[in-house]
All heavy atoms as atom14 arrays in JSON, in Angstrom:
{
  "sequence": "TGNPNGNGLPQWDKLDSANPKTMVIDVNSQLTPVTNTARYILLESFYN",
  "atom14_mask": [
    [1, 1, 1, 1, 1, 1, 1, 0, 0, 0, 0, 0, 0, 0],
    [1, 1, 1, 1, 0, 0, 0, 0, 0, 0, 0, 0, 0, 0],
    [1, 1, 1, 1, 1, 1, 1, 1, 0, 0, 0, 0, 0, 0],
    [1, 1, 1, 1, 1, 1, 1, 0, 0, 0, 0, 0, 0, 0],
    [1, 1, 1, 1, 1, 1, 1, 1, 0, 0, 0, 0, 0, 0],
    [1, 1, 1, 1, 0, 0, 0, 0, 0, 0, 0, 0, 0, 0],
    [1, 1, 1, 1, 1, 1, 1, 1, 0, 0, 0, 0, 0, 0],
    [1, 1, 1, 1, 0, 0, 0, 0, 0, 0, 0, 0, 0, 0],
    [1, 1, 1, 1, 1, 1, 1, 1, 0, 0, 0, 0, 0, 0],
    [1, 1, 1, 1, 1, 1, 1, 0, 0, 0, 0, 0, 0, 0],
    [1, 1, 1, 1, 1, 1, 1, 1, 1, 0, 0, 0, 0, 0],
    [1, 1, 1, 1, 1, 1, 1, 1, 1, 1, 1, 1, 1, 1],
    [1, 1, 1, 1, 1, 1, 1, 1, 0, 0, 0, 0, 0, 0],
    [1, 1, 1, 1, 1, 1, 1, 1, 1, 0, 0, 0, 0, 0],
    [1, 1, 1, 1, 1, 1, 1, 1, 0, 0, 0, 0, 0, 0],
    [1, 1, 1, 1, 1, 1, 1, 1, 0, 0, 0, 0, 0, 0],
    [1, 1, 1, 1, 1, 1, 0, 0, 0, 0, 0, 0, 0, 0],
    [1, 1, 1, 1, 1, 0, 0, 0, 0, 0, 0, 0, 0, 0],
    [1, 1, 1, 1, 1, 1, 1, 1, 0, 0, 0, 0, 0, 0],
    [1, 1, 1, 1, 1, 1, 1, 0, 0, 0, 0, 0, 0, 0],
    [1, 1, 1, 1, 1, 1, 1, 1, 1, 0, 0, 0, 0, 0],
    [1, 1, 1, 1, 1, 1, 1, 0, 0, 0, 0, 0, 0, 0],
    [1, 1, 1, 1, 1, 1, 1, 1, 0, 0, 0, 0, 0, 0],
    [1, 1, 1, 1, 1, 1, 1, 0, 0, 0, 0, 0, 0, 0],
    [1, 1, 1, 1, 1, 1, 1, 1, 0, 0, 0, 0, 0, 0],
    [1, 1, 1, 1, 1, 1, 1, 1, 0, 0, 0, 0, 0, 0],
    [1, 1, 1, 1, 1, 1, 1, 0, 0, 0, 0, 0, 0, 0],
    [1, 1, 1, 1, 1, 1, 1, 1, 0, 0, 0, 0, 0, 0],
    [1, 1, 1, 1, 1, 1, 0, 0, 0, 0, 0, 0, 0, 0],
    [1, 1, 1, 1, 1, 1, 1, 1, 1, 0, 0, 0, 0, 0],
    [1, 1, 1, 1, 1, 1, 1, 1, 0, 0, 0, 0, 0, 0],
    [1, 1, 1, 1, 1, 1, 1, 0, 0, 0, 0, 0, 0, 0],
    [1, 1, 1, 1, 1, 1, 1, 0, 0, 0, 0, 0, 0, 0],
    [1, 1, 1, 1, 1, 1, 1, 0, 0, 0, 0, 0, 0, 0],
    [1, 1, 1, 1, 1, 1, 1, 0, 0, 0, 0, 0, 0, 0],
    [1, 1, 1, 1, 1, 1, 1, 1, 0, 0, 0, 0, 0, 0],
    [1, 1, 1, 1, 1, 1, 1, 0, 0, 0, 0, 0, 0, 0],
    [1, 1, 1, 1, 1, 0, 0, 0, 0, 0, 0, 0, 0, 0],
    [1, 1, 1, 1, 1, 1, 1, 1, 1, 1, 1, 0, 0, 0],
    [1, 1, 1, 1, 1, 1, 1, 1, 1, 1, 1, 1, 0, 0],
    [1, 1, 1, 1, 1, 1, 1, 1, 0, 0, 0, 0, 0, 0],
    [1, 1, 1, 1, 1, 1, 1, 1, 0, 0, 0, 0, 0, 0],
    [1, 1, 1, 1, 1, 1, 1, 1, 0, 0, 0, 0, 0, 0],
    [1, 1, 1, 1, 1, 1, 1, 1, 1, 0, 0, 0, 0, 0],
    [1, 1, 1, 1, 1, 1, 0, 0, 0, 0, 0, 0, 0, 0],
    [1, 1, 1, 1, 1, 1, 1, 1, 1, 1, 1, 0, 0, 0],
    [1, 1, 1, 1, 1, 1, 1, 1, 1, 1, 1, 1, 0, 0],
    [1, 1, 1, 1, 1, 1, 1, 1, 0, 0, 0, 0, 0, 0]
  ],
  "atom14_positions": [
    [[-18.29, 6.54, 0.32], [-17.45, 7.73, 0.22], [-16.91, 8.02, -1.17], [-16.33, 9.09, -1.38], [-16.25, 7.6, 1.17], [-15.38, 6.56, 0.68], [-16.7, 7.26, 2.59], [0.0, 0.0, 0.0], [0.0, 0.0, 0.0], [0.0, 0.0, 0.0], [0.0, 0.0, 0.0], [0.0, 0.0, 0.0], [0.0, 0.0, 0.0], [0.0, 0.0, 0.0]],
    [[-17.03, 7.07, -2.11], [-16.38, 7.23, -3.41], [-14.93, 6.83, -3.39], [-14.21, 7.03, -4.38], [0.0, 0.0, 0.0], [0.0, 0.0, 0.0], [0.0, 0.0, 0.0], [0.0, 0.0, 0.0], [0.0, 0.0, 0.0], [0.0, 0.0, 0.0], [0.0, 0.0, 0.0], [0.0, 0.0, 0.0], [0.0, 0.0, 0.0], [0.0, 0.0, 0.0]],
    [[-14.49, 6.24, -2.27], [-13.1, 5.79, -2.1], [-13.14, 4.45, -1.39], [-13.74, 4.33, -0.32], [-12.34, 6.82, -1.27], [-10.86, 6.52, -1.15], [-10.44, 5.38, -1.05], [-10.04, 7.57, -1.15], [0.0, 0.0, 0.0], [0.0, 0.0, 0.0], [0.0, 0.0, 0.0], [0.0, 0.0, 0.0], [0.0, 0.0, 0.0], [0.0, 0.0, 0.0]],
    [[-12.5, 3.4, -1.93], [-12.6, 2.07, -1.31], [-11.75, 1.89, -0.06], [-11.91, 0.9, 0.67], [-12.1, 1.14, -2.42], [-11.15, 1.98, -3.21], [-11.73, 3.36, -3.19], [0.0, 0.0, 0.0], [0.0, 0.0, 0.0], [0.0, 0.0, 0.0], [0.0, 0.0, 0.0], [0.0, 0.0, 0.0], [0.0, 0.0, 0.0], [0.0, 0.0, 0.0]],
    [[-10.84, 2.81, 0.22], [-9.89, 2.62, 1.31], [-10.54, 2.76, 2.68], [-11.53, 3.48, 2.85], [-8.74, 3.61, 1.16], [-7.85, 3.28, -0.02], [-7.15, 2.28, -0.02], [-7.91, 4.12, -1.07], [0.0, 0.0, 0.0], [0.0, 0.0, 0.0], [0.0, 0.0, 0.0], [0.0, 0.0, 0.0], [0.0, 0.0, 0.0], [0.0, 0.0, 0.0]],
    [[-9.94, 2.09, 3.64], [-10.42, 2.15, 5.02], [-9.47, 1.41, 5.93], [-8.54, 0.72, 5.49], [0.0, 0.0, 0.0], [0.0, 0.0, 0.0], [0.0, 0.0, 0.0], [0.0, 0.0, 0.0], [0.0, 0.0, 0.0], [0.0, 0.0, 0.0], [0.0, 0.0, 0.0], [0.0, 0.0, 0.0], [0.0, 0.0, 0.0], [0.0, 0.0, 0.0]],
    [[-9.7, 1.54, 7.23], [-8.82, 0.93, 8.21], [-8.77, -0.59, 8.03], [-9.79, -1.24, 7.81], [-9.32, 1.24, 9.62], [-9.16, 2.7, 9.98], [-8.32, 3.4, 9.4], [-9.96, 3.19, 10.92], [0.0, 0.0, 0.0], [0.0, 0.0, 0.0], [0.0, 0.0, 0.0], [0.0, 0.0, 0.0], [0.0, 0.0, 0.0], [0.0, 0.0, 0.0]],
    [[-7.55, -1.14, 8.11], [-7.38, -2.58, 8.05], [-7.29, -3.16, 6.66], [-7.11, -4.36, 6.5], [0.0, 0.0, 0.0], [0.0, 0.0, 0.0], [0.0, 0.0, 0.0], [0.0, 0.0, 0.0], [0.0, 0.0, 0.0], [0.0, 0.0, 0.0], [0.0, 0.0, 0.0], [0.0, 0.0, 0.0], [0.0, 0.0, 0.0], [0.0, 0.0, 0.0]],
    [[-7.41, -2.32, 5.63], [-7.36, -2.79, 4.25], [-6.06, -2.34, 3.58], [-5.56, -1.24, 3.87], [-8.53, -2.22, 3.45], [-9.93, -2.72, 3.81], [-10.97, -1.89, 3.06], [-10.09, -4.2, 3.48], [0.0, 0.0, 0.0], [0.0, 0.0, 0.0], [0.0, 0.0, 0.0], [0.0, 0.0, 0.0], [0.0, 0.0, 0.0], [0.0, 0.0, 0.0]],
    [[-5.51, -3.15, 2.69], [-4.35, -2.69, 1.91], [-4.69, -1.4, 1.15], [-5.79, -1.27, 0.61], [-4.09, -3.85, 0.94], [-4.69, -5.05, 1.62], [-5.89, -4.54, 2.36], [0.0, 0.0, 0.0], [0.0, 0.0, 0.0], [0.0, 0.0, 0.0], [0.0, 0.0, 0.0], [0.0, 0.0, 0.0], [0.0, 0.0, 0.0], [0.0, 0.0, 0.0]],
    [[-3.75, -0.48, 1.11], [-3.98, 0.8, 0.44], [-4.23, 0.6, -1.04], [-3.48, -0.11, -1.72], [-2.78, 1.72, 0.65], [-2.86, 3.04, -0.08], [-3.97, 3.95, 0.43], [-4.33, 3.86, 1.61], [-4.48, 4.81, -0.43], [0.0, 0.0, 0.0], [0.0, 0.0, 0.0], [0.0, 0.0, 0.0], [0.0, 0.0, 0.0], [0.0, 0.0, 0.0]],
    [[-5.29, 1.23, -1.55], [-5.68, 1.11, -2.96], [-5.6, 2.49, -3.59], [-6.45, 3.35, -3.36], [-7.09, 0.55, -3.04], [-7.56, 0.15, -4.42], [-6.98, 0.47, -5.61], [-8.7, -0.66, -4.72], [-7.7, -0.08, -6.65], [-8.77, -0.79, -6.12], [-9.68, -1.26, -3.95], [-9.79, -1.5, -6.75], [-10.69, -1.98, -4.57], [-10.73, -2.1, -5.97]],
    [[-4.57, 2.73, -4.38], [-4.39, 4.03, -5.02], [-5.28, 4.14, -6.26], [-5.55, 3.14, -6.93], [-2.94, 4.22, -5.44], [-1.98, 4.25, -4.27], [-2.46, 4.51, -3.13], [-0.77, 4.01, -4.48], [0.0, 0.0, 0.0], [0.0, 0.0, 0.0], [0.0, 0.0, 0.0], [0.0, 0.0, 0.0], [0.0, 0.0, 0.0], [0.0, 0.0, 0.0]],
    [[-5.69, 5.34, -6.56], [-6.46, 5.56, -7.79], [-5.59, 5.32, -9.0], [-4.34, 5.41, -8.93], [-7.05, 6.96, -7.82], [-6.04, 8.08, -7.95], [-6.74, 9.44, -7.97], [-5.72, 10.57, -8.15], [-6.37, 11.9, -8.19], [0.0, 0.0, 0.0], [0.0, 0.0, 0.0], [0.0, 0.0, 0.0], [0.0, 0.0, 0.0], [0.0, 0.0, 0.0]],
    [[-6.21, 5.01, -10.11], [-5.49, 4.67, -11.33], [-4.75, 5.88, -11.88], [-5.34, 6.94, -12.07], [-6.47, 4.12, -12.37], [-5.88, 3.56, -13.67], [-4.97, 2.38, -13.38], [-7.01, 3.15, -14.61], [0.0, 0.0, 0.0], [0.0, 0.0, 0.0], [0.0, 0.0, 0.0], [0.0, 0.0, 0.0], [0.0, 0.0, 0.0], [0.0, 0.0, 0.0]],
    [[-3.49, 5.69, -12.16], [-2.64, 6.72, -12.75], [-2.11, 6.15, -14.07], [-1.33, 5.19, -14.08], [-1.49, 7.06, -11.81], [-0.53, 8.09, -12.38], [-0.74, 8.54, -13.53], [0.44, 8.44, -11.68], [0.0, 0.0, 0.0], [0.0, 0.0, 0.0], [0.0, 0.0, 0.0], [0.0, 0.0, 0.0], [0.0, 0.0, 0.0], [0.0, 0.0, 0.0]],
    [[-2.54, 6.73, -15.19], [-2.16, 6.18, -16.49], [-0.66, 6.2, -16.72], [-0.13, 5.38, -17.48], [-2.87, 6.94, -17.62], [-2.55, 8.32, -17.57], [0.0, 0.0, 0.0], [0.0, 0.0, 0.0], [0.0, 0.0, 0.0], [0.0, 0.0, 0.0], [0.0, 0.0, 0.0], [0.0, 0.0, 0.0], [0.0, 0.0, 0.0], [0.0, 0.0, 0.0]],
    [[0.04, 7.08, -16.05], [1.5, 7.15, -16.21], [2.21, 6.04, -15.42], [3.32, 5.63, -15.78], [2.02, 8.51, -15.76], [0.0, 0.0, 0.0], [0.0, 0.0, 0.0], [0.0, 0.0, 0.0], [0.0, 0.0, 0.0], [0.0, 0.0, 0.0], [0.0, 0.0, 0.0], [0.0, 0.0, 0.0], [0.0, 0.0, 0.0], [0.0, 0.0, 0.0]],
    [[1.55, 5.57, -14.38], [2.12, 4.5, -13.55], [0.97, 3.63, -13.03], [0.68, 3.62, -11.84], [2.91, 5.1, -12.38], [3.59, 4.04, -11.54], [3.91, 2.95, -12.01], [3.81, 4.34, -10.26], [0.0, 0.0, 0.0], [0.0, 0.0, 0.0], [0.0, 0.0, 0.0], [0.0, 0.0, 0.0], [0.0, 0.0, 0.0], [0.0, 0.0, 0.0]],
    [[0.32, 2.89, -13.94], [-0.91, 2.18, -13.55], [-0.65, 1.04, -12.58], [0.3, 0.27, -12.73], [-1.44, 1.66, -14.89], [-0.24, 1.55, -15.77], [0.66, 2.69, -15.36], [0.0, 0.0, 0.0], [0.0, 0.0, 0.0], [0.0, 0.0, 0.0], [0.0, 0.0, 0.0], [0.0, 0.0, 0.0], [0.0, 0.0, 0.0], [0.0, 0.0, 0.0]],
    [[-1.52, 0.96, -11.57], [-1.47, -0.13, -10.6], [-2.88, -0.69, -10.42], [-3.86, 0.03, -10.54], [-0.92, 0.36, -9.26], [0.53, 0.81, -9.32], [1.02, 1.3, -7.96], [2.47, 1.76, -8.05], [2.98, 2.25, -6.75], [0.0, 0.0, 0.0], [0.0, 0.0, 0.0], [0.0, 0.0, 0.0], [0.0, 0.0, 0.0], [0.0, 0.0, 0.0]],
    [[-2.93, -1.97, -10.13], [-4.2, -2.67, -9.97], [-4.23, -3.35, -8.61], [-3.23, -3.94, -8.18], [-4.38, -3.73, -11.08], [-4.51, -3.08, -12.34], [-5.61, -4.58, -10.83], [0.0, 0.0, 0.0], [0.0, 0.0, 0.0], [0.0, 0.0, 0.0], [0.0, 0.0, 0.0], [0.0, 0.0, 0.0], [0.0, 0.0, 0.0], [0.0, 0.0, 0.0]],
    [[-5.37, -3.28, -7.93], [-5.53, -4.01, -6.68], [-5.85, -5.46, -7.01], [-6.91, -5.76, -7.56], [-6.64, -3.4, -5.83], [-6.93, -4.18, -4.54], [-5.49, -4.38, -3.45], [-5.26, -2.68, -2.9], [0.0, 0.0, 0.0], [0.0, 0.0, 0.0], [0.0, 0.0, 0.0], [0.0, 0.0, 0.0], [0.0, 0.0, 0.0], [0.0, 0.0, 0.0]],
    [[-4.92, -6.36, -6.72], [-5.15, -7.8, -6.91], [-5.85, -8.31, -5.66], [-5.28, -8.29, -4.56], [-3.83, -8.55, -7.15], [-4.1, -10.05, -7.28], [-3.14, -8.03, -8.4], [0.0, 0.0, 0.0], [0.0, 0.0, 0.0], [0.0, 0.0, 0.0], [0.0, 0.0, 0.0], [0.0, 0.0, 0.0], [0.0, 0.0, 0.0], [0.0, 0.0, 0.0]],
    [[-7.1, -8.73, -5.83], [-7.91, -9.18, -4.7], [-7.81, -10.69, -4.6], [-8.24, -11.43, -5.49], [-9.37, -8.72, -4.86], [-9.44, -7.19, -4.87], [-10.24, -9.29, -3.74], [-10.83, -6.63, -5.09], [0.0, 0.0, 0.0], [0.0, 0.0, 0.0], [0.0, 0.0, 0.0], [0.0, 0.0, 0.0], [0.0, 0.0, 0.0], [0.0, 0.0, 0.0]],
    [[-7.2, -11.14, -3.5], [-6.99, -12.56, -3.25], [-6.82, -12.74, -1.74], [-7.1, -11.8, -0.98], [-5.76, -13.06, -4.03], [-5.84, -14.54, -4.37], [-6.43, -15.3, -3.59], [-5.29, -14.95, -5.4], [0.0, 0.0, 0.0], [0.0, 0.0, 0.0], [0.0, 0.0, 0.0], [0.0, 0.0, 0.0], [0.0, 0.0, 0.0], [0.0, 0.0, 0.0]],
    [[-6.35, -13.89, -1.33], [-6.19, -14.14, 0.11], [-5.3, -13.07, 0.73], [-5.57, -12.57, 1.83], [-5.61, -15.54, 0.35], [-5.38, -15.78, 1.84], [-6.54, -16.6, -0.22], [0.0, 0.0, 0.0], [0.0, 0.0, 0.0], [0.0, 0.0, 0.0], [0.0, 0.0, 0.0], [0.0, 0.0, 0.0], [0.0, 0.0, 0.0], [0.0, 0.0, 0.0]],
    [[-4.25, -12.7, 0.03], [-3.4, -11.58, 0.45], [-3.46, -10.51, -0.62], [-2.66, -10.49, -1.57], [-1.96, -12.06, 0.68], [-1.85, -13.05, 1.81], [-2.28, -12.78, 2.93], [-1.29, -14.23, 1.54], [0.0, 0.0, 0.0], [0.0, 0.0, 0.0], [0.0, 0.0, 0.0], [0.0, 0.0, 0.0], [0.0, 0.0, 0.0], [0.0, 0.0, 0.0]],
    [[-4.44, -9.63, -0.51], [-4.66, -8.61, -1.52], [-3.55, -7.57, -1.49], [-3.04, -7.22, -0.42], [-6.01, -7.92, -1.29], [-7.06, -8.86, -1.35], [0.0, 0.0, 0.0], [0.0, 0.0, 0.0], [0.0, 0.0, 0.0], [0.0, 0.0, 0.0], [0.0, 0.0, 0.0], [0.0, 0.0, 0.0], [0.0, 0.0, 0.0], [0.0, 0.0, 0.0]],
    [[-3.17, -7.09, -2.68], [-2.09, -6.1, -2.74], [-2.18, -5.29, -4.02], [-2.63, -5.79, -5.06], [-0.73, -6.76, -2.63], [-0.45, -7.81, -3.69], [0.9, -8.5, -3.49], [1.84, -7.89, -2.98], [1.0, -9.74, -3.92], [0.0, 0.0, 0.0], [0.0, 0.0, 0.0], [0.0, 0.0, 0.0], [0.0, 0.0, 0.0], [0.0, 0.0, 0.0]],
    [[-1.73, -4.05, -3.93], [-1.67, -3.17, -5.09], [-0.43, -3.55, -5.91], [0.68, -3.61, -5.37], [-1.6, -1.72, -4.64], [-1.89, -0.66, -5.69], [-3.34, -0.72, -6.15], [-1.57, 0.74, -5.13], [0.0, 0.0, 0.0], [0.0, 0.0, 0.0], [0.0, 0.0, 0.0], [0.0, 0.0, 0.0], [0.0, 0.0, 0.0], [0.0, 0.0, 0.0]],
    [[-0.63, -3.81, -7.2], [0.43, -4.37, -8.04], [0.61, -3.54, -9.3], [-0.37, -3.18, -9.95], [0.08, -5.81, -8.43], [-0.14, -6.57, -7.24], [1.2, -6.45, -9.23], [0.0, 0.0, 0.0], [0.0, 0.0, 0.0], [0.0, 0.0, 0.0], [0.0, 0.0, 0.0], [0.0, 0.0, 0.0], [0.0, 0.0, 0.0], [0.0, 0.0, 0.0]],
    [[1.85, -3.24, -9.68], [2.08, -2.5, -10.93], [1.56, -3.3, -12.14], [1.68, -4.52, -12.18], [3.61, -2.36, -10.98], [4.05, -2.49, -9.57], [3.11, -3.45, -8.93], [0.0, 0.0, 0.0], [0.0, 0.0, 0.0], [0.0, 0.0, 0.0], [0.0, 0.0, 0.0], [0.0, 0.0, 0.0], [0.0, 0.0, 0.0], [0.0, 0.0, 0.0]],
    [[1.02, -2.6, -13.11], [0.5, -3.22, -14.33], [1.64, -3.4, -15.32], [2.39, -2.45, -15.6], [-0.62, -2.36, -14.95], [-1.07, -2.94, -16.29], [-1.81, -2.28, -14.0], [0.0, 0.0, 0.0], [0.0, 0.0, 0.0], [0.0, 0.0, 0.0], [0.0, 0.0, 0.0], [0.0, 0.0, 0.0], [0.0, 0.0, 0.0], [0.0, 0.0, 0.0]],
    [[1.77, -4.61, -15.88], [2.86, -4.87, -16.81], [2.39, -5.31, -18.19], [3.21, -5.57, -19.08], [3.78, -5.98, -16.25], [2.99, -7.17, -16.05], [4.41, -5.56, -14.94], [0.0, 0.0, 0.0], [0.0, 0.0, 0.0], [0.0, 0.0, 0.0], [0.0, 0.0, 0.0], [0.0, 0.0, 0.0], [0.0, 0.0, 0.0], [0.0, 0.0, 0.0]],
    [[1.07, -5.38, -18.39], [0.56, -5.92, -19.65], [-0.29, -4.93, -20.45], [-1.11, -5.34, -21.27], [-0.25, -7.19, -19.39], [-1.39, -6.97, -18.4], [-1.69, -5.84, -18.04], [-2.01, -8.05, -17.96], [0.0, 0.0, 0.0], [0.0, 0.0, 0.0], [0.0, 0.0, 0.0], [0.0, 0.0, 0.0], [0.0, 0.0, 0.0], [0.0, 0.0, 0.0]],
    [[-0.08, -3.64, -20.23], [-0.87, -2.65, -20.95], [-0.7, -2.76, -22.46], [-1.65, -2.51, -23.23], [-0.47, -1.23, -20.49], [-0.7, -1.11, -19.08], [-1.29, -0.17, -21.22], [0.0, 0.0, 0.0], [0.0, 0.0, 0.0], [0.0, 0.0, 0.0], [0.0, 0.0, 0.0], [0.0, 0.0, 0.0], [0.0, 0.0, 0.0], [0.0, 0.0, 0.0]],
    [[0.48, -3.18, -22.89], [0.75, -3.26, -24.33], [-0.23, -4.18, -25.05], [-0.6, -3.94, -26.21], [2.17, -3.73, -24.57], [0.0, 0.0, 0.0], [0.0, 0.0, 0.0], [0.0, 0.0, 0.0], [0.0, 0.0, 0.0], [0.0, 0.0, 0.0], [0.0, 0.0, 0.0], [0.0, 0.0, 0.0], [0.0, 0.0, 0.0], [0.0, 0.0, 0.0]],
    [[-0.69, -5.23, -24.37], [-1.59, -6.14, -25.07], [-2.98, -5.52, -25.27], [-3.65, -5.81, -26.25], [-1.68, -7.48, -24.33], [-2.46, -7.53, -23.05], [-2.2, -8.86, -22.37], [-3.23, -9.2, -21.39], [-3.09, -10.13, -20.45], [-1.94, -10.81, -20.37], [-4.07, -10.4, -19.61], [0.0, 0.0, 0.0], [0.0, 0.0, 0.0], [0.0, 0.0, 0.0]],
    [[-3.38, -4.64, -24.38], [-4.66, -3.96, -24.56], [-4.57, -2.9, -25.66], [-5.52, -2.69, -26.42], [-5.13, -3.35, -23.24], [-5.3, -4.39, -22.17], [-4.56, -4.35, -21.01], [-6.19, -5.44, -22.33], [-4.69, -5.32, -20.04], [-6.34, -6.43, -21.37], [-5.57, -6.36, -20.22], [-5.7, -7.33, -19.28], [0.0, 0.0, 0.0], [0.0, 0.0, 0.0]],
    [[-3.43, -2.25, -25.73], [-3.23, -1.28, -26.81], [-3.24, -1.99, -28.16], [-3.78, -1.48, -29.15], [-1.92, -0.51, -26.58], [-2.03, 0.35, -25.31], [-1.58, 0.35, -27.78], [-0.75, 1.04, -24.91], [0.0, 0.0, 0.0], [0.0, 0.0, 0.0], [0.0, 0.0, 0.0], [0.0, 0.0, 0.0], [0.0, 0.0, 0.0], [0.0, 0.0, 0.0]],
    [[-2.67, -3.19, -28.22], [-2.71, -3.97, -29.44], [-4.14, -4.34, -29.8], [-4.57, -4.16, -30.96], [-1.86, -5.24, -29.3], [-1.95, -6.23, -30.47], [-1.38, -5.6, -31.74], [-1.22, -7.52, -30.13], [0.0, 0.0, 0.0], [0.0, 0.0, 0.0], [0.0, 0.0, 0.0], [0.0, 0.0, 0.0], [0.0, 0.0, 0.0], [0.0, 0.0, 0.0]],
    [[-4.9, -4.84, -28.83], [-6.29, -5.21, -29.11], [-7.11, -4.0, -29.55], [-7.98, -4.12, -30.41], [-6.93, -5.84, -27.87], [-6.44, -7.24, -27.48], [-7.2, -7.74, -26.25], [-6.63, -8.23, -28.64], [0.0, 0.0, 0.0], [0.0, 0.0, 0.0], [0.0, 0.0, 0.0], [0.0, 0.0, 0.0], [0.0, 0.0, 0.0], [0.0, 0.0, 0.0]],
    [[-6.81, -2.87, -28.97], [-7.54, -1.65, -29.33], [-7.4, -1.35, -30.81], [-8.34, -0.83, -31.44], [-7.02, -0.48, -28.49], [-7.85, 0.79, -28.64], [-7.48, 1.82, -27.6], [-6.32, 1.81, -27.14], [-8.34, 2.62, -27.23], [0.0, 0.0, 0.0], [0.0, 0.0, 0.0], [0.0, 0.0, 0.0], [0.0, 0.0, 0.0], [0.0, 0.0, 0.0]],
    [[-6.27, -1.7, -31.4], [-6.06, -1.43, -32.83], [-6.96, -2.27, -33.72], [-7.14, -1.97, -34.89], [-4.59, -1.68, -33.19], [-4.27, -3.07, -33.14], [0.0, 0.0, 0.0], [0.0, 0.0, 0.0], [0.0, 0.0, 0.0], [0.0, 0.0, 0.0], [0.0, 0.0, 0.0], [0.0, 0.0, 0.0], [0.0, 0.0, 0.0], [0.0, 0.0, 0.0]],
    [[-7.56, -3.34, -33.15], [-8.43, -4.22, -33.94], [-9.9, -3.79, -33.93], [-10.72, -4.32, -34.66], [-8.35, -5.65, -33.42], [-6.98, -6.25, -33.5], [-6.51, -7.07, -32.49], [-6.15, -5.98, -34.58], [-5.24, -7.63, -32.56], [-4.88, -6.54, -34.65], [-4.42, -7.36, -33.63], [0.0, 0.0, 0.0], [0.0, 0.0, 0.0], [0.0, 0.0, 0.0]],
    [[-10.23, -2.85, -33.04], [-11.63, -2.45, -32.89], [-11.83, -1.02, -33.37], [-11.03, -0.12, -33.07], [-12.08, -2.57, -31.43], [-11.89, -3.95, -30.87], [-11.05, -4.18, -29.8], [-12.53, -5.05, -31.45], [-10.86, -5.45, -29.29], [-12.36, -6.33, -30.94], [-11.51, -6.52, -29.87], [-11.32, -7.79, -29.37], [0.0, 0.0, 0.0], [0.0, 0.0, 0.0]],
    [[-12.89, -0.82, -34.12], [-13.21, 0.53, -34.58], [-13.76, 1.36, -33.44], [-14.51, 0.87, -32.61], [-14.24, 0.48, -35.71], [-13.69, -0.19, -36.95], [-12.52, -0.05, -37.28], [-14.55, -0.91, -37.66], [0.0, 0.0, 0.0], [0.0, 0.0, 0.0], [0.0, 0.0, 0.0], [0.0, 0.0, 0.0], [0.0, 0.0, 0.0], [0.0, 0.0, 0.0]]
  ]
}
């Protein structure tokens, strides 16, 4: 369908750059707010 969601699965929202969340897939999977974006922005400054 182009959408991973379905009955019986934790809700997985699409990525919103203003409020990014990631689906952590583990024994108890859950959608989790992203807290480390700053480190990727830093790395981005090192690459042309």
